[in-house]
Amino acid sequence: MTKISPVLPSAAKHAHAFRGVPDAPAPAVSGTVQAARRPSAPGKFELVRDDRGGFLIRILDGDGAVLALSRTYPDLAAVVEGVESVRECAATSHISDQTARTPELPLP
């Protein structure tokens, strides 16, 4: 069972980060990236209430697994703007691979 951080709002704690979706297989060769399997259905944005009166966005994949959880928005208009912002950013963003190791510098 996936553990969820105690510092997240309760809406996040009930997000069910793992819903029976099997783990992706490890890459066959170290240093290679495999394409993720395609979800069986479209993903979705869920707008949920926060305990403190705000709203959160949960982004789910097609199988219902939580991909991301937003910051808290003060009202519904702001959370809807947040969804539109994520859609725009996702559609126009490039992948930046930050996993490559930097070469170690020789000691003086």
PDB file of N, CA and C in Angstrom:
ATOM      1  N   MET A   1       0.841  -1.174   0.000  1.00  0.00           N
ATOM      2  CA  MET A   1       0.000   0.000   0.000  1.00  0.00           C
ATOM      3  C   MET A   1       0.885   1.236   0.000  1.00  0.00           C
ATOM      4  N   THR A   2       0.566   2.188  -0.813  1.00  0.00           N
ATOM      5  CA  THR A   2       1.335   3.418  -0.902  1.00  0.00           C
ATOM      6  C   THR A   2       1.094   4.268   0.332  1.00  0.00           C
ATOM      7  N   LYS A   3       2.177   4.794   0.920  1.00  0.00           N
ATOM      8  CA  LYS A   3       2.039   5.682   2.061  1.00  0.00           C
ATOM      9  C   LYS A   3       1.897   7.101   1.544  1.00  0.00           C
ATOM     10  N   ILE A   4       1.042   7.871   2.191  1.00  0.00           N
ATOM     11  CA  ILE A   4       0.827   9.256   1.802  1.00  0.00           C
ATOM     12  C   ILE A   4       1.303  10.133   2.947  1.00  0.00           C
ATOM     13  N   SER A   5       2.013  11.173   2.635  1.00  0.00           N
ATOM     14  CA  SER A   5       2.603  12.060   3.621  1.00  0.00           C
ATOM     15  C   SER A   5       1.553  12.634   4.565  1.00  0.00           C
ATOM     16  N   PRO A   6       1.854  12.681   5.873  1.00  0.00           N
ATOM     17  CA  PRO A   6       0.896  13.244   6.828  1.00  0.00           C
ATOM     18  C   PRO A   6       0.745  14.756   6.697  1.00  0.00           C
ATOM     19  N   VAL A   7       1.618  15.429   5.959  1.00  0.00           N
ATOM     20  CA  VAL A   7       1.511  16.876   5.831  1.00  0.00           C
ATOM     21  C   VAL A   7       0.593  17.310   4.692  1.00  0.00           C
ATOM     22  N   LEU A   8       0.118  16.380   3.904  1.00  0.00           N
ATOM     23  CA  LEU A   8      -0.803  16.726   2.817  1.00  0.00           C
ATOM     24  C   LEU A   8      -2.196  16.956   3.374  1.00  0.00           C
ATOM     25  N   PRO A   9      -2.981  17.811   2.731  1.00  0.00           N
ATOM     26  CA  PRO A   9      -4.368  17.988   3.155  1.00  0.00           C
ATOM     27  C   PRO A   9      -5.130  16.672   3.050  1.00  0.00           C
ATOM     28  N   SER A  10      -6.200  16.547   3.815  1.00  0.00           N
ATOM     29  CA  SER A  10      -6.915  15.261   3.832  1.00  0.00           C
ATOM     30  C   SER A  10      -7.465  14.899   2.461  1.00  0.00           C
ATOM     31  N   ALA A  11      -7.789  15.873   1.613  1.00  0.00           N
ATOM     32  CA  ALA A  11      -8.261  15.557   0.260  1.00  0.00           C
ATOM     33  C   ALA A  11      -7.194  14.771  -0.487  1.00  0.00           C
ATOM     34  N   ALA A  12      -5.928  15.098  -0.234  1.00  0.00           N
ATOM     35  CA  ALA A  12      -4.841  14.381  -0.881  1.00  0.00           C
ATOM     36  C   ALA A  12      -4.680  12.999  -0.271  1.00  0.00           C
ATOM     37  N   LYS A  13      -4.881  12.891   1.033  1.00  0.00           N
ATOM     38  CA  LYS A  13      -4.731  11.602   1.703  1.00  0.00           C
ATOM     39  C   LYS A  13      -5.739  10.584   1.181  1.00  0.00           C
ATOM     40  N   HIS A  14      -6.884  11.079   0.736  1.00  0.00           N
ATOM     41  CA  HIS A  14      -7.922  10.185   0.238  1.00  0.00           C
ATOM     42  C   HIS A  14      -7.883  10.054  -1.283  1.00  0.00           C
ATOM     43  N   ALA A  15      -6.780  10.457  -1.886  1.00  0.00           N
ATOM     44  CA  ALA A  15      -6.661  10.436  -3.338  1.00  0.00           C
ATOM     45  C   ALA A  15      -6.474   9.026  -3.876  1.00  0.00           C
ATOM     46  N   HIS A  16      -6.125   8.093  -3.002  1.00  0.00           N
ATOM     47  CA  HIS A  16      -5.883   6.720  -3.417  1.00  0.00           C
ATOM     48  C   HIS A  16      -4.833   6.678  -4.531  1.00  0.00           C
ATOM     49  N   ALA A  17      -3.606   7.026  -4.152  1.00  0.00           N
ATOM     50  CA  ALA A  17      -2.508   7.121  -5.104  1.00  0.00           C
ATOM     51  C   ALA A  17      -2.277   5.816  -5.847  1.00  0.00           C
ATOM     52  N   PHE A  18      -2.682   4.716  -5.276  1.00  0.00           N
ATOM     53  CA  PHE A  18      -2.507   3.435  -5.958  1.00  0.00           C
ATOM     54  C   PHE A  18      -3.852   2.726  -5.966  1.00  0.00           C
ATOM     55  N   ARG A  19      -4.369   2.461  -7.139  1.00  0.00           N
ATOM     56  CA  ARG A  19      -5.691   1.827  -7.252  1.00  0.00           C
ATOM     57  C   ARG A  19      -5.595   0.507  -8.001  1.00  0.00           C
ATOM     58  N   GLY A  20      -4.651  -0.315  -7.619  1.00  0.00           N
ATOM     59  CA  GLY A  20      -4.538  -1.625  -8.228  1.00  0.00           C
ATOM     60  C   GLY A  20      -3.856  -1.610  -9.583  1.00  0.00           C
ATOM     61  N   VAL A  21      -3.228  -0.510  -9.941  1.00  0.00           N
ATOM     62  CA  VAL A  21      -2.514  -0.430 -11.210  1.00  0.00           C
ATOM     63  C   VAL A  21      -1.146  -1.067 -11.010  1.00  0.00           C
ATOM     64  N   PRO A  22      -0.775  -2.056 -11.804  1.00  0.00           N
ATOM     65  CA  PRO A  22       0.518  -2.704 -11.603  1.00  0.00           C
ATOM     66  C   PRO A  22       1.663  -1.741 -11.847  1.00  0.00           C
ATOM     67  N   ASP A  23       2.772  -1.989 -11.138  1.00  0.00           N
ATOM     68  CA  ASP A  23       3.966  -1.175 -11.343  1.00  0.00           C
ATOM     69  C   ASP A  23       4.492  -1.386 -12.750  1.00  0.00           C
ATOM     70  N   ALA A  24       5.054  -0.330 -13.311  1.00  0.00           N
ATOM     71  CA  ALA A  24       5.659  -0.438 -14.636  1.00  0.00           C
ATOM     72  C   ALA A  24       6.923  -1.272 -14.522  1.00  0.00           C
ATOM     73  N   PRO A  25       7.230  -2.096 -15.507  1.00  0.00           N
ATOM     74  CA  PRO A  25       8.446  -2.900 -15.443  1.00  0.00           C
ATOM     75  C   PRO A  25       9.682  -2.014 -15.486  1.00  0.00           C
ATOM     76  N   ALA A  26      10.743  -2.485 -14.848  1.00  0.00           N
ATOM     77  CA  ALA A  26      12.001  -1.740 -14.843  1.00  0.00           C
ATOM     78  C   ALA A  26      12.579  -1.736 -16.253  1.00  0.00           C
ATOM     79  N   PRO A  27      13.314  -0.684 -16.616  1.00  0.00           N
ATOM     80  CA  PRO A  27      13.939  -0.647 -17.938  1.00  0.00           C
ATOM     81  C   PRO A  27      14.882  -1.833 -18.129  1.00  0.00           C
ATOM     82  N   ALA A  28      14.920  -2.365 -19.343  1.00  0.00           N
ATOM     83  CA  ALA A  28      15.744  -3.536 -19.640  1.00  0.00           C
ATOM     84  C   ALA A  28      17.226  -3.210 -19.555  1.00  0.00           C
ATOM     85  N   VAL A  29      17.598  -2.016 -19.971  1.00  0.00           N
ATOM     86  CA  VAL A  29      18.991  -1.614 -19.977  1.00  0.00           C
ATOM     87  C   VAL A  29      19.120  -0.341 -19.165  1.00  0.00           C
ATOM     88  N   SER A  30      20.107  -0.314 -18.282  1.00  0.00           N
ATOM     89  CA  SER A  30      20.303   0.869 -17.454  1.00  0.00           C
ATOM     90  C   SER A  30      20.562   2.087 -18.335  1.00  0.00           C
ATOM     91  N   GLY A  31      19.926   3.205 -17.979  1.00  0.00           N
ATOM     92  CA  GLY A  31      20.137   4.434 -18.726  1.00  0.00           C
ATOM     93  C   GLY A  31      19.181   4.640 -19.884  1.00  0.00           C
ATOM     94  N   THR A  32      18.290   3.682 -20.152  1.00  0.00           N
ATOM     95  CA  THR A  32      17.323   3.851 -21.233  1.00  0.00           C
ATOM     96  C   THR A  32      15.976   4.220 -20.642  1.00  0.00           C
ATOM     97  N   VAL A  33      15.154   4.853 -21.423  1.00  0.00           N
ATOM     98  CA  VAL A  33      13.818   5.240 -20.989  1.00  0.00           C
ATOM     99  C   VAL A  33      12.812   4.482 -21.839  1.00  0.00           C
ATOM    100  N   GLN A  34      11.896   3.816 -21.164  1.00  0.00           N
ATOM    101  CA  GLN A  34      10.841   3.106 -21.884  1.00  0.00           C
ATOM    102  C   GLN A  34       9.581   3.954 -21.874  1.00  0.00           C
ATOM    103  N   ALA A  35       8.829   3.861 -22.946  1.00  0.00           N
ATOM    104  CA  ALA A  35       7.560   4.580 -23.008  1.00  0.00           C
ATOM    105  C   ALA A  35       6.587   3.935 -22.032  1.00  0.00           C
ATOM    106  N   ALA A  36       5.835   4.757 -21.324  1.00  0.00           N
ATOM    107  CA  ALA A  36       4.837   4.247 -20.391  1.00  0.00           C
ATOM    108  C   ALA A  36       3.694   3.638 -21.190  1.00  0.00           C
ATOM    109  N   ARG A  37       3.044   2.662 -20.594  1.00  0.00           N
ATOM    110  CA  ARG A  37       1.896   2.074 -21.284  1.00  0.00           C
ATOM    111  C   ARG A  37       0.774   3.089 -21.334  1.00  0.00           C
ATOM    112  N   ARG A  38      -0.004   3.041 -22.373  1.00  0.00           N
ATOM    113  CA  ARG A  38      -1.080   4.007 -22.556  1.00  0.00           C
ATOM    114  C   ARG A  38      -2.264   3.617 -21.675  1.00  0.00           C
ATOM    115  N   PRO A  39      -2.889   4.592 -21.019  1.00  0.00           N
ATOM    116  CA  PRO A  39      -4.057   4.287 -20.209  1.00  0.00           C
ATOM    117  C   PRO A  39      -5.209   3.798 -21.073  1.00  0.00           C
ATOM    118  N   SER A  40      -6.100   3.038 -20.466  1.00  0.00           N
ATOM    119  CA  SER A  40      -7.226   2.479 -21.209  1.00  0.00           C
ATOM    120  C   SER A  40      -8.314   3.514 -21.483  1.00  0.00           C
ATOM    121  N   ALA A  41      -8.318   4.602 -20.737  1.00  0.00           N
ATOM    122  CA  ALA A  41      -9.323   5.640 -20.909  1.00  0.00           C
ATOM    123  C   ALA A  41      -8.634   6.988 -20.738  1.00  0.00           C
ATOM    124  N   PRO A  42      -9.294   8.064 -21.151  1.00  0.00           N
ATOM    125  CA  PRO A  42      -8.677   9.382 -20.949  1.00  0.00           C
ATOM    126  C   PRO A  42      -8.523   9.689 -19.465  1.00  0.00           C
ATOM    127  N   GLY A  43      -7.497  10.452 -19.141  1.00  0.00           N
ATOM    128  CA  GLY A  43      -7.321  10.909 -17.771  1.00  0.00           C
ATOM    129  C   GLY A  43      -8.332  12.002 -17.468  1.00  0.00           C
ATOM    130  N   LYS A  44      -8.288  12.499 -16.236  1.00  0.00           N
ATOM    131  CA  LYS A  44      -9.226  13.568 -15.900  1.00  0.00           C
ATOM    132  C   LYS A  44      -8.676  14.429 -14.778  1.00  0.00           C
ATOM    133  N   PHE A  45      -9.250  15.617 -14.674  1.00  0.00           N
ATOM    134  CA  PHE A  45      -8.978  16.546 -13.592  1.00  0.00           C
ATOM    135  C   PHE A  45     -10.142  16.430 -12.614  1.00  0.00           C
ATOM    136  N   GLU A  46      -9.851  16.206 -11.347  1.00  0.00           N
ATOM    137  CA  GLU A  46     -10.888  16.211 -10.323  1.00  0.00           C
ATOM    138  C   GLU A  46     -10.702  17.460  -9.468  1.00  0.00           C
ATOM    139  N   LEU A  47     -11.780  18.198  -9.252  1.00  0.00           N
ATOM    140  CA  LEU A  47     -11.755  19.346  -8.366  1.00  0.00           C
ATOM    141  C   LEU A  47     -12.293  18.870  -7.022  1.00  0.00           C
ATOM    142  N   VAL A  48     -11.478  19.009  -5.967  1.00  0.00           N
ATOM    143  CA  VAL A  48     -11.868  18.511  -4.644  1.00  0.00           C
ATOM    144  C   VAL A  48     -11.720  19.617  -3.607  1.00  0.00           C
ATOM    145  N   ARG A  49     -12.540  19.553  -2.561  1.00  0.00           N
ATOM    146  CA  ARG A  49     -12.479  20.530  -1.473  1.00  0.00           C
ATOM    147  C   ARG A  49     -11.347  20.180  -0.519  1.00  0.00           C
ATOM    148  N   ASP A  50     -10.701  21.217  -0.026  1.00  0.00           N
ATOM    149  CA  ASP A  50      -9.664  21.085   0.983  1.00  0.00           C
ATOM    150  C   ASP A  50     -10.309  21.278   2.354  1.00  0.00           C
ATOM    151  N   ASP A  51      -9.713  20.716   3.403  1.00  0.00           N
ATOM    152  CA  ASP A  51     -10.251  20.869   4.763  1.00  0.00           C
ATOM    153  C   ASP A  51     -10.311  22.324   5.206  1.00  0.00           C
ATOM    154  N   ARG A  52      -9.424  23.143   4.665  1.00  0.00           N
ATOM    155  CA  ARG A  52      -9.334  24.535   5.099  1.00  0.00           C
ATOM    156  C   ARG A  52     -10.235  25.457   4.271  1.00  0.00           C
ATOM    157  N   GLY A  53     -11.100  24.900   3.443  1.00  0.00           N
ATOM    158  CA  GLY A  53     -12.056  25.709   2.698  1.00  0.00           C
ATOM    159  C   GLY A  53     -11.673  26.013   1.268  1.00  0.00           C
ATOM    160  N   GLY A  54     -10.491  25.623   0.837  1.00  0.00           N
ATOM    161  CA  GLY A  54     -10.071  25.862  -0.535  1.00  0.00           C
ATOM    162  C   GLY A  54     -10.381  24.682  -1.428  1.00  0.00           C
ATOM    163  N   PHE A  55      -9.753  24.676  -2.589  1.00  0.00           N
ATOM    164  CA  PHE A  55      -9.974  23.616  -3.571  1.00  0.00           C
ATOM    165  C   PHE A  55      -8.639  23.122  -4.108  1.00  0.00           C
ATOM    166  N   LEU A  56      -8.587  21.851  -4.487  1.00  0.00           N
ATOM    167  CA  LEU A  56      -7.399  21.217  -5.061  1.00  0.00           C
ATOM    168  C   LEU A  56      -7.760  20.613  -6.407  1.00  0.00           C
ATOM    169  N   ILE A  57      -6.748  20.431  -7.242  1.00  0.00           N
ATOM    170  CA  ILE A  57      -6.906  19.692  -8.502  1.00  0.00           C
ATOM    171  C   ILE A  57      -6.168  18.373  -8.337  1.00  0.00           C
ATOM    172  N   ARG A  58      -6.852  17.266  -8.574  1.00  0.00           N
ATOM    173  CA  ARG A  58      -6.201  15.952  -8.654  1.00  0.00           C
ATOM    174  C   ARG A  58      -6.189  15.573 -10.121  1.00  0.00           C
ATOM    175  N   ILE A  59      -5.026  15.230 -10.648  1.00  0.00           N
ATOM    176  CA  ILE A  59      -4.919  14.790 -12.031  1.00  0.00           C
ATOM    177  C   ILE A  59      -4.786  13.273 -12.003  1.00  0.00           C
ATOM    178  N   LEU A  60      -5.726  12.584 -12.659  1.00  0.00           N
ATOM    179  CA  LEU A  60      -5.764  11.127 -12.681  1.00  0.00           C
ATOM    180  C   LEU A  60      -5.466  10.609 -14.074  1.00  0.00           C
ATOM    181  N   ASP A  61      -4.801   9.450 -14.142  1.00  0.00           N
ATOM    182  CA  ASP A  61      -4.610   8.831 -15.447  1.00  0.00           C
ATOM    183  C   ASP A  61      -5.873   8.053 -15.804  1.00  0.00           C
ATOM    184  N   GLY A  62      -5.859   7.386 -16.944  1.00  0.00           N
ATOM    185  CA  GLY A  62      -7.036   6.676 -17.426  1.00  0.00           C
ATOM    186  C   GLY A  62      -7.469   5.526 -16.553  1.00  0.00           C
ATOM    187  N   ASP A  63      -6.558   5.021 -15.722  1.00  0.00           N
ATOM    188  CA  ASP A  63      -6.898   3.923 -14.820  1.00  0.00           C
ATOM    189  C   ASP A  63      -7.276   4.414 -13.426  1.00  0.00           C
ATOM    190  N   GLY A  64      -7.286   5.725 -13.223  1.00  0.00           N
ATOM    191  CA  GLY A  64      -7.687   6.281 -11.941  1.00  0.00           C
ATOM    192  C   GLY A  64      -6.565   6.517 -10.957  1.00  0.00           C
ATOM    193  N   ALA A  65      -5.328   6.265 -11.346  1.00  0.00           N
ATOM    194  CA  ALA A  65      -4.200   6.506 -10.449  1.00  0.00           C
ATOM    195  C   ALA A  65      -3.872   8.000 -10.426  1.00  0.00           C
ATOM    196  N   VAL A  66      -3.546   8.521  -9.262  1.00  0.00           N
ATOM    197  CA  VAL A  66      -3.230   9.936  -9.115  1.00  0.00           C
ATOM    198  C   VAL A  66      -1.853  10.209  -9.699  1.00  0.00           C
ATOM    199  N   LEU A  67      -1.805  11.142 -10.651  1.00  0.00           N
ATOM    200  CA  LEU A  67      -0.534  11.558 -11.250  1.00  0.00           C
ATOM    201  C   LEU A  67       0.025  12.778 -10.549  1.00  0.00           C
ATOM    202  N   ALA A  68      -0.846  13.690 -10.131  1.00  0.00           N
ATOM    203  CA  ALA A  68      -0.391  14.929  -9.503  1.00  0.00           C
ATOM    204  C   ALA A  68      -1.509  15.521  -8.658  1.00  0.00           C
ATOM    205  N   LEU A  69      -1.082  16.331  -7.684  1.00  0.00           N
ATOM    206  CA  LEU A  69      -1.999  17.037  -6.812  1.00  0.00           C
ATOM    207  C   LEU A  69      -1.545  18.486  -6.759  1.00  0.00           C
ATOM    208  N   SER A  70      -2.459  19.400  -6.952  1.00  0.00           N
ATOM    209  CA  SER A  70      -2.119  20.828  -7.033  1.00  0.00           C
ATOM    210  C   SER A  70      -1.964  21.466  -5.663  1.00  0.00           C
ATOM    211  N   ARG A  71      -1.605  22.731  -5.719  1.00  0.00           N
ATOM    212  CA  ARG A  71      -1.638  23.571  -4.522  1.00  0.00           C
ATOM    213  C   ARG A  71      -3.102  23.863  -4.204  1.00  0.00           C
ATOM    214  N   THR A  72      -3.366  24.532  -3.091  1.00  0.00           N
ATOM    215  CA  THR A  72      -4.725  24.897  -2.718  1.00  0.00           C
ATOM    216  C   THR A  72      -5.109  26.217  -3.382  1.00  0.00           C
ATOM    217  N   TYR A  73      -6.290  26.234  -3.988  1.00  0.00           N
ATOM    218  CA  TYR A  73      -6.835  27.436  -4.610  1.00  0.00           C
ATOM    219  C   TYR A  73      -7.931  27.985  -3.706  1.00  0.00           C
ATOM    220  N   PRO A  74      -8.119  29.310  -3.664  1.00  0.00           N
ATOM    221  CA  PRO A  74      -9.083  29.898  -2.729  1.00  0.00           C
ATOM    222  C   PRO A  74     -10.551  29.699  -3.107  1.00  0.00           C
ATOM    223  N   ASP A  75     -10.850  29.587  -4.411  1.00  0.00           N
ATOM    224  CA  ASP A  75     -12.253  29.472  -4.825  1.00  0.00           C
ATOM    225  C   ASP A  75     -12.342  28.697  -6.136  1.00  0.00           C
ATOM    226  N   LEU A  76     -13.571  28.404  -6.559  1.00  0.00           N
ATOM    227  CA  LEU A  76     -13.786  27.610  -7.774  1.00  0.00           C
ATOM    228  C   LEU A  76     -13.269  28.303  -9.029  1.00  0.00           C
ATOM    229  N   ALA A  77     -13.421  29.600  -9.120  1.00  0.00           N
ATOM    230  CA  ALA A  77     -12.930  30.316 -10.305  1.00  0.00           C
ATOM    231  C   ALA A  77     -11.414  30.143 -10.432  1.00  0.00           C
ATOM    232  N   ALA A  78     -10.706  30.226  -9.322  1.00  0.00           N
ATOM    233  CA  ALA A  78      -9.248  30.087  -9.343  1.00  0.00           C
ATOM    234  C   ALA A  78      -8.826  28.659  -9.693  1.00  0.00           C
ATOM    235  N   VAL A  79      -9.547  27.667  -9.182  1.00  0.00           N
ATOM    236  CA  VAL A  79      -9.182  26.278  -9.473  1.00  0.00           C
ATOM    237  C   VAL A  79      -9.439  25.957 -10.947  1.00  0.00           C
ATOM    238  N   VAL A  80     -10.500  26.512 -11.527  1.00  0.00           N
ATOM    239  CA  VAL A  80     -10.766  26.309 -12.954  1.00  0.00           C
ATOM    240  C   VAL A  80      -9.668  26.962 -13.792  1.00  0.00           C
ATOM    241  N   GLU A  81      -9.214  28.152 -13.382  1.00  0.00           N
ATOM    242  CA  GLU A  81      -8.079  28.784 -14.060  1.00  0.00           C
ATOM    243  C   GLU A  81      -6.828  27.918 -13.949  1.00  0.00           C
ATOM    244  N   GLY A  82      -6.653  27.274 -12.791  1.00  0.00           N
ATOM    245  CA  GLY A  82      -5.520  26.371 -12.596  1.00  0.00           C
ATOM    246  C   GLY A  82      -5.551  25.198 -13.560  1.00  0.00           C
ATOM    247  N   VAL A  83      -6.733  24.630 -13.776  1.00  0.00           N
ATOM    248  CA  VAL A  83      -6.874  23.527 -14.733  1.00  0.00           C
ATOM    249  C   VAL A  83      -6.496  24.001 -16.135  1.00  0.00           C
ATOM    250  N   GLU A  84      -6.993  25.154 -16.527  1.00  0.00           N
ATOM    251  CA  GLU A  84      -6.672  25.693 -17.853  1.00  0.00           C
ATOM    252  C   GLU A  84      -5.171  25.955 -17.994  1.00  0.00           C
ATOM    253  N   SER A  85      -4.547  26.434 -16.942  1.00  0.00           N
ATOM    254  CA  SER A  85      -3.113  26.684 -16.965  1.00  0.00           C
ATOM    255  C   SER A  85      -2.329  25.385 -17.142  1.00  0.00           C
ATOM    256  N   VAL A  86      -2.742  24.331 -16.433  1.00  0.00           N
ATOM    257  CA  VAL A  86      -2.064  23.033 -16.560  1.00  0.00           C
ATOM    258  C   VAL A  86      -2.240  22.488 -17.972  1.00  0.00           C
ATOM    259  N   ARG A  87      -3.442  22.594 -18.517  1.00  0.00           N
ATOM    260  CA  ARG A  87      -3.687  22.114 -19.888  1.00  0.00           C
ATOM    261  C   ARG A  87      -2.792  22.834 -20.892  1.00  0.00           C
ATOM    262  N   GLU A  88      -2.702  24.153 -20.779  1.00  0.00           N
ATOM    263  CA  GLU A  88      -1.875  24.935 -21.701  1.00  0.00           C
ATOM    264  C   GLU A  88      -0.402  24.566 -21.558  1.00  0.00           C
ATOM    265  N   CYS A  89       0.052  24.484 -20.332  1.00  0.00           N
ATOM    266  CA  CYS A  89       1.458  24.165 -20.079  1.00  0.00           C
ATOM    267  C   CYS A  89       1.799  22.763 -20.595  1.00  0.00           C
ATOM    268  N   ALA A  90       0.929  21.799 -20.335  1.00  0.00           N
ATOM    269  CA  ALA A  90       1.190  20.427 -20.774  1.00  0.00           C
ATOM    270  C   ALA A  90       1.221  20.315 -22.293  1.00  0.00           C
ATOM    271  N   ALA A  91       0.378  21.082 -22.950  1.00  0.00           N
ATOM    272  CA  ALA A  91       0.303  21.012 -24.409  1.00  0.00           C
ATOM    273  C   ALA A  91       1.504  21.641 -25.089  1.00  0.00           C
ATOM    274  N   THR A  92       2.170  22.576 -24.415  1.00  0.00           N
ATOM    275  CA  THR A  92       3.256  23.303 -25.064  1.00  0.00           C
ATOM    276  C   THR A  92       4.629  23.027 -24.449  1.00  0.00           C
ATOM    277  N   SER A  93       4.694  22.215 -23.412  1.00  0.00           N
ATOM    278  CA  SER A  93       5.961  21.971 -22.714  1.00  0.00           C
ATOM    279  C   SER A  93       6.820  20.936 -23.424  1.00  0.00           C
ATOM    280  N   HIS A  94       8.112  21.044 -23.191  1.00  0.00           N
ATOM    281  CA  HIS A  94       9.077  20.062 -23.669  1.00  0.00           C
ATOM    282  C   HIS A  94       9.587  19.268 -22.486  1.00  0.00           C
ATOM    283  N   ILE A  95      10.028  18.046 -22.735  1.00  0.00           N
ATOM    284  CA  ILE A  95      10.595  17.221 -21.669  1.00  0.00           C
ATOM    285  C   ILE A  95      12.048  17.609 -21.484  1.00  0.00           C
ATOM    286  N   SER A  96      12.432  17.897 -20.262  1.00  0.00           N
ATOM    287  CA  SER A  96      13.810  18.240 -19.929  1.00  0.00           C
ATOM    288  C   SER A  96      14.360  17.142 -19.033  1.00  0.00           C
ATOM    289  N   ASP A  97      15.237  16.311 -19.554  1.00  0.00           N
ATOM    290  CA  ASP A  97      15.787  15.188 -18.803  1.00  0.00           C
ATOM    291  C   ASP A  97      16.820  15.695 -17.800  1.00  0.00           C
ATOM    292  N   GLN A  98      16.462  15.680 -16.541  1.00  0.00           N
ATOM    293  CA  GLN A  98      17.345  16.123 -15.468  1.00  0.00           C
ATOM    294  C   GLN A  98      17.963  14.948 -14.719  1.00  0.00           C
ATOM    295  N   THR A  99      17.890  13.749 -15.310  1.00  0.00           N
ATOM    296  CA  THR A  99      18.376  12.553 -14.634  1.00  0.00           C
ATOM    297  C   THR A  99      19.829  12.226 -14.944  1.00  0.00           C
ATOM    298  N   ALA A 100      20.404  12.862 -15.959  1.00  0.00           N
ATOM    299  CA  ALA A 100      21.785  12.559 -16.327  1.00  0.00           C
ATOM    300  C   ALA A 100      22.724  12.991 -15.204  1.00  0.00           C
ATOM    301  N   ARG A 101      23.700  12.172 -14.956  1.00  0.00           N
ATOM    302  CA  ARG A 101      24.682  12.498 -13.919  1.00  0.00           C
ATOM    303  C   ARG A 101      25.668  13.516 -14.450  1.00  0.00           C
ATOM    304  N   THR A 102      26.041  14.436 -13.574  1.00  0.00           N
ATOM    305  CA  THR A 102      27.046  15.399 -13.968  1.00  0.00           C
ATOM    306  C   THR A 102      28.418  14.766 -13.740  1.00  0.00           C
ATOM    307  N   PRO A 103      29.379  15.065 -14.614  1.00  0.00           N
ATOM    308  CA  PRO A 103      30.701  14.453 -14.427  1.00  0.00           C
ATOM    309  C   PRO A 103      31.336  14.959 -13.142  1.00  0.00           C
ATOM    310  N   GLU A 104      32.015  14.057 -12.451  1.00  0.00           N
ATOM    311  CA  GLU A 104      32.695  14.449 -11.230  1.00  0.00           C
ATOM    312  C   GLU A 104      33.963  15.205 -11.581  1.00  0.00           C
ATOM    313  N   LEU A 105      34.178  16.296 -10.891  1.00  0.00           N
ATOM    314  CA  LEU A 105      35.375  17.090 -11.124  1.00  0.00           C
ATOM    315  C   LEU A 105      36.540  16.494 -10.330  1.00  0.00           C
ATOM    316  N   PRO A 106      37.744  16.482 -10.927  1.00  0.00           N
ATOM    317  CA  PRO A 106      38.896  15.945 -10.191  1.00  0.00           C
ATOM    318  C   PRO A 106      39.241  16.834  -9.004  1.00  0.00           C
ATOM    319  N   LEU A 107      39.663  16.221  -7.942  1.00  0.00           N
ATOM    320  CA  LEU A 107      40.068  16.976  -6.759  1.00  0.00           C
ATOM    321  C   LEU A 107      41.408  17.653  -7.021  1.00  0.00           C
ATOM    322  N   PRO A 108      41.616  18.864  -6.483  1.00  0.00           N
ATOM    323  CA  PRO A 108      42.896  19.574  -6.719  1.00  0.00           C
ATOM    324  C   PRO A 108      44.059  18.916  -6.000  1.00  0.00           C
TER     325      PRO A 108
END
